[in-house]
Amino acid sequence: MTKWISIKDRLPKTDTELLFFSEGRIRFGEYIWYDPDYRWDDRVANLYREDVTHWMPLPKSPVE
């Protein structure tokens, strides 16, 4: 199982799908360049910055 990574320890590569924790919820999205800074995008037209505390890569897809 993948563990949560604090943004204080490391940030993800840009434009990679991931999970991030914001406002007490787990969100799906990516870490992107959004001029003039980086943002967390949940792909529902919401951008986050200060309230994100942790992130993790997506788990591997199930195999039948």
N, C-alpha and C. Protein backbone atom coordinates (compact mmCIF):
# COMPACT_ATOMS: atom_id res chain seq x y z
N MET A 1 0.84 -1.19 0.00
CA MET A 1 0.00 0.00 0.00
C MET A 1 0.88 1.25 0.00
N THR A 2 0.56 2.20 -0.82
CA THR A 2 1.29 3.45 -0.89
C THR A 2 0.94 4.30 0.33
N LYS A 3 1.92 5.00 0.86
CA LYS A 3 1.71 5.84 2.04
C LYS A 3 1.58 7.30 1.63
N TRP A 4 0.89 8.07 2.47
CA TRP A 4 0.75 9.50 2.25
C TRP A 4 2.11 10.18 2.42
N ILE A 5 2.37 11.16 1.58
CA ILE A 5 3.62 11.91 1.62
C ILE A 5 3.30 13.35 1.99
N SER A 6 3.94 13.86 3.01
CA SER A 6 3.73 15.24 3.41
C SER A 6 4.33 16.17 2.36
N ILE A 7 3.64 17.28 2.07
CA ILE A 7 4.20 18.23 1.11
C ILE A 7 5.44 18.92 1.68
N LYS A 8 5.64 18.82 3.01
CA LYS A 8 6.85 19.37 3.62
C LYS A 8 8.06 18.50 3.29
N ASP A 9 7.82 17.21 3.03
CA ASP A 9 8.91 16.29 2.72
C ASP A 9 9.26 16.27 1.24
N ARG A 10 8.22 16.30 0.39
CA ARG A 10 8.47 16.18 -1.05
C ARG A 10 7.21 16.54 -1.81
N LEU A 11 7.37 17.16 -2.96
CA LEU A 11 6.25 17.46 -3.85
C LEU A 11 6.27 16.49 -5.02
N PRO A 12 5.11 16.21 -5.62
CA PRO A 12 5.07 15.28 -6.74
C PRO A 12 5.59 15.91 -8.03
N LYS A 13 5.84 15.07 -9.01
CA LYS A 13 6.15 15.58 -10.34
C LYS A 13 4.90 16.24 -10.89
N THR A 14 5.06 17.25 -11.71
CA THR A 14 3.91 17.93 -12.29
C THR A 14 3.23 17.05 -13.33
N ASP A 15 1.94 17.31 -13.53
CA ASP A 15 1.14 16.64 -14.56
C ASP A 15 1.07 15.12 -14.39
N THR A 16 1.07 14.65 -13.15
CA THR A 16 0.93 13.24 -12.85
C THR A 16 -0.33 13.04 -12.02
N GLU A 17 -1.18 12.09 -12.40
CA GLU A 17 -2.39 11.83 -11.64
C GLU A 17 -2.03 11.30 -10.26
N LEU A 18 -2.75 11.78 -9.25
CA LEU A 18 -2.47 11.39 -7.88
C LEU A 18 -3.68 11.66 -6.99
N LEU A 19 -3.54 11.29 -5.73
CA LEU A 19 -4.53 11.63 -4.71
C LEU A 19 -3.90 12.69 -3.83
N PHE A 20 -4.71 13.66 -3.38
CA PHE A 20 -4.19 14.63 -2.41
C PHE A 20 -5.24 14.91 -1.36
N PHE A 21 -4.76 15.29 -0.17
CA PHE A 21 -5.62 15.51 0.98
C PHE A 21 -5.78 17.00 1.20
N SER A 22 -7.05 17.48 1.15
CA SER A 22 -7.34 18.90 1.28
C SER A 22 -8.69 19.09 1.94
N GLU A 23 -8.75 20.01 2.89
CA GLU A 23 -10.00 20.35 3.57
C GLU A 23 -10.68 19.11 4.16
N GLY A 24 -9.88 18.19 4.70
CA GLY A 24 -10.43 17.00 5.33
C GLY A 24 -10.94 15.94 4.37
N ARG A 25 -10.62 16.05 3.09
CA ARG A 25 -11.10 15.10 2.09
C ARG A 25 -9.98 14.62 1.19
N ILE A 26 -10.13 13.41 0.71
CA ILE A 26 -9.21 12.86 -0.29
C ILE A 26 -9.74 13.26 -1.65
N ARG A 27 -8.87 13.85 -2.46
CA ARG A 27 -9.28 14.32 -3.78
C ARG A 27 -8.38 13.69 -4.86
N PHE A 28 -8.95 13.50 -6.03
CA PHE A 28 -8.22 12.98 -7.18
C PHE A 28 -7.86 14.15 -8.08
N GLY A 29 -6.66 14.17 -8.59
CA GLY A 29 -6.28 15.24 -9.49
C GLY A 29 -4.81 15.18 -9.85
N GLU A 30 -4.21 16.38 -9.97
CA GLU A 30 -2.80 16.45 -10.31
C GLU A 30 -2.19 17.74 -9.78
N TYR A 31 -0.89 17.76 -9.72
CA TYR A 31 -0.12 18.93 -9.32
C TYR A 31 0.32 19.59 -10.61
N ILE A 32 -0.09 20.84 -10.85
CA ILE A 32 0.15 21.48 -12.15
C ILE A 32 0.78 22.86 -12.01
N TRP A 33 1.39 23.30 -13.08
CA TRP A 33 1.85 24.68 -13.18
C TRP A 33 0.64 25.52 -13.57
N TYR A 34 0.33 26.50 -12.75
CA TYR A 34 -0.78 27.41 -13.02
C TYR A 34 -0.25 28.80 -12.79
N ASP A 35 0.14 29.46 -13.85
CA ASP A 35 0.82 30.74 -13.79
C ASP A 35 0.20 31.68 -12.76
N PRO A 36 0.94 32.21 -11.83
CA PRO A 36 2.40 32.24 -11.72
C PRO A 36 2.96 31.24 -10.71
N ASP A 37 2.25 30.21 -10.39
CA ASP A 37 2.69 29.30 -9.34
C ASP A 37 2.15 27.89 -9.61
N TYR A 38 2.49 26.96 -8.73
CA TYR A 38 1.95 25.60 -8.84
C TYR A 38 0.66 25.50 -8.04
N ARG A 39 -0.24 24.61 -8.48
CA ARG A 39 -1.51 24.39 -7.81
C ARG A 39 -1.88 22.92 -7.88
N TRP A 40 -2.78 22.53 -7.01
CA TRP A 40 -3.36 21.19 -7.00
C TRP A 40 -4.71 21.30 -7.69
N ASP A 41 -4.93 20.55 -8.74
CA ASP A 41 -6.14 20.64 -9.56
C ASP A 41 -6.95 19.36 -9.39
N ASP A 42 -8.21 19.50 -8.94
CA ASP A 42 -9.05 18.30 -8.75
C ASP A 42 -9.89 17.96 -9.97
N ARG A 43 -9.63 18.64 -11.08
CA ARG A 43 -10.30 18.40 -12.36
C ARG A 43 -11.81 18.68 -12.34
N VAL A 44 -12.24 19.43 -11.34
CA VAL A 44 -13.64 19.85 -11.29
C VAL A 44 -13.65 21.38 -11.17
N ALA A 45 -12.68 21.99 -11.82
CA ALA A 45 -12.55 23.45 -11.85
C ALA A 45 -12.20 24.04 -10.49
N ASN A 46 -11.64 23.23 -9.59
CA ASN A 46 -11.20 23.73 -8.30
C ASN A 46 -9.69 23.62 -8.21
N LEU A 47 -9.07 24.69 -7.77
CA LEU A 47 -7.63 24.71 -7.58
C LEU A 47 -7.34 24.94 -6.11
N TYR A 48 -6.36 24.23 -5.60
CA TYR A 48 -6.01 24.33 -4.19
C TYR A 48 -4.54 24.68 -4.04
N ARG A 49 -4.21 25.28 -2.92
CA ARG A 49 -2.81 25.57 -2.68
C ARG A 49 -2.46 25.40 -1.21
N GLU A 50 -2.85 26.34 -0.36
CA GLU A 50 -2.42 26.36 1.02
C GLU A 50 -2.99 25.23 1.86
N ASP A 51 -4.16 24.73 1.54
CA ASP A 51 -4.82 23.75 2.40
C ASP A 51 -4.43 22.30 2.11
N VAL A 52 -3.61 22.04 1.11
CA VAL A 52 -3.16 20.67 0.82
C VAL A 52 -2.02 20.34 1.78
N THR A 53 -2.14 19.17 2.45
CA THR A 53 -1.10 18.77 3.41
C THR A 53 -0.34 17.53 2.97
N HIS A 54 -1.00 16.60 2.25
CA HIS A 54 -0.38 15.33 1.87
C HIS A 54 -0.83 14.92 0.47
N TRP A 55 -0.06 14.02 -0.13
CA TRP A 55 -0.41 13.47 -1.44
C TRP A 55 0.13 12.05 -1.52
N MET A 56 -0.33 11.30 -2.52
CA MET A 56 0.21 9.96 -2.78
C MET A 56 -0.04 9.60 -4.23
N PRO A 57 0.86 8.79 -4.81
CA PRO A 57 0.63 8.31 -6.17
C PRO A 57 -0.60 7.41 -6.19
N LEU A 58 -1.19 7.27 -7.35
CA LEU A 58 -2.34 6.37 -7.47
C LEU A 58 -1.86 4.92 -7.30
N PRO A 59 -2.70 4.09 -6.70
CA PRO A 59 -2.33 2.67 -6.60
C PRO A 59 -2.35 2.03 -7.97
N LYS A 60 -1.72 0.89 -8.08
CA LYS A 60 -1.74 0.16 -9.35
C LYS A 60 -3.15 -0.35 -9.62
N SER A 61 -3.48 -0.46 -10.89
CA SER A 61 -4.79 -0.98 -11.30
C SER A 61 -4.91 -2.45 -10.92
N PRO A 62 -6.13 -2.90 -10.63
CA PRO A 62 -6.31 -4.31 -10.30
C PRO A 62 -6.05 -5.19 -11.53
N VAL A 63 -5.60 -6.39 -11.26
CA VAL A 63 -5.33 -7.35 -12.32
C VAL A 63 -6.22 -8.56 -12.09
N GLU A 64 -6.91 -8.99 -13.14
CA GLU A 64 -7.79 -10.15 -12.99
C GLU A 64 -7.04 -11.44 -13.21
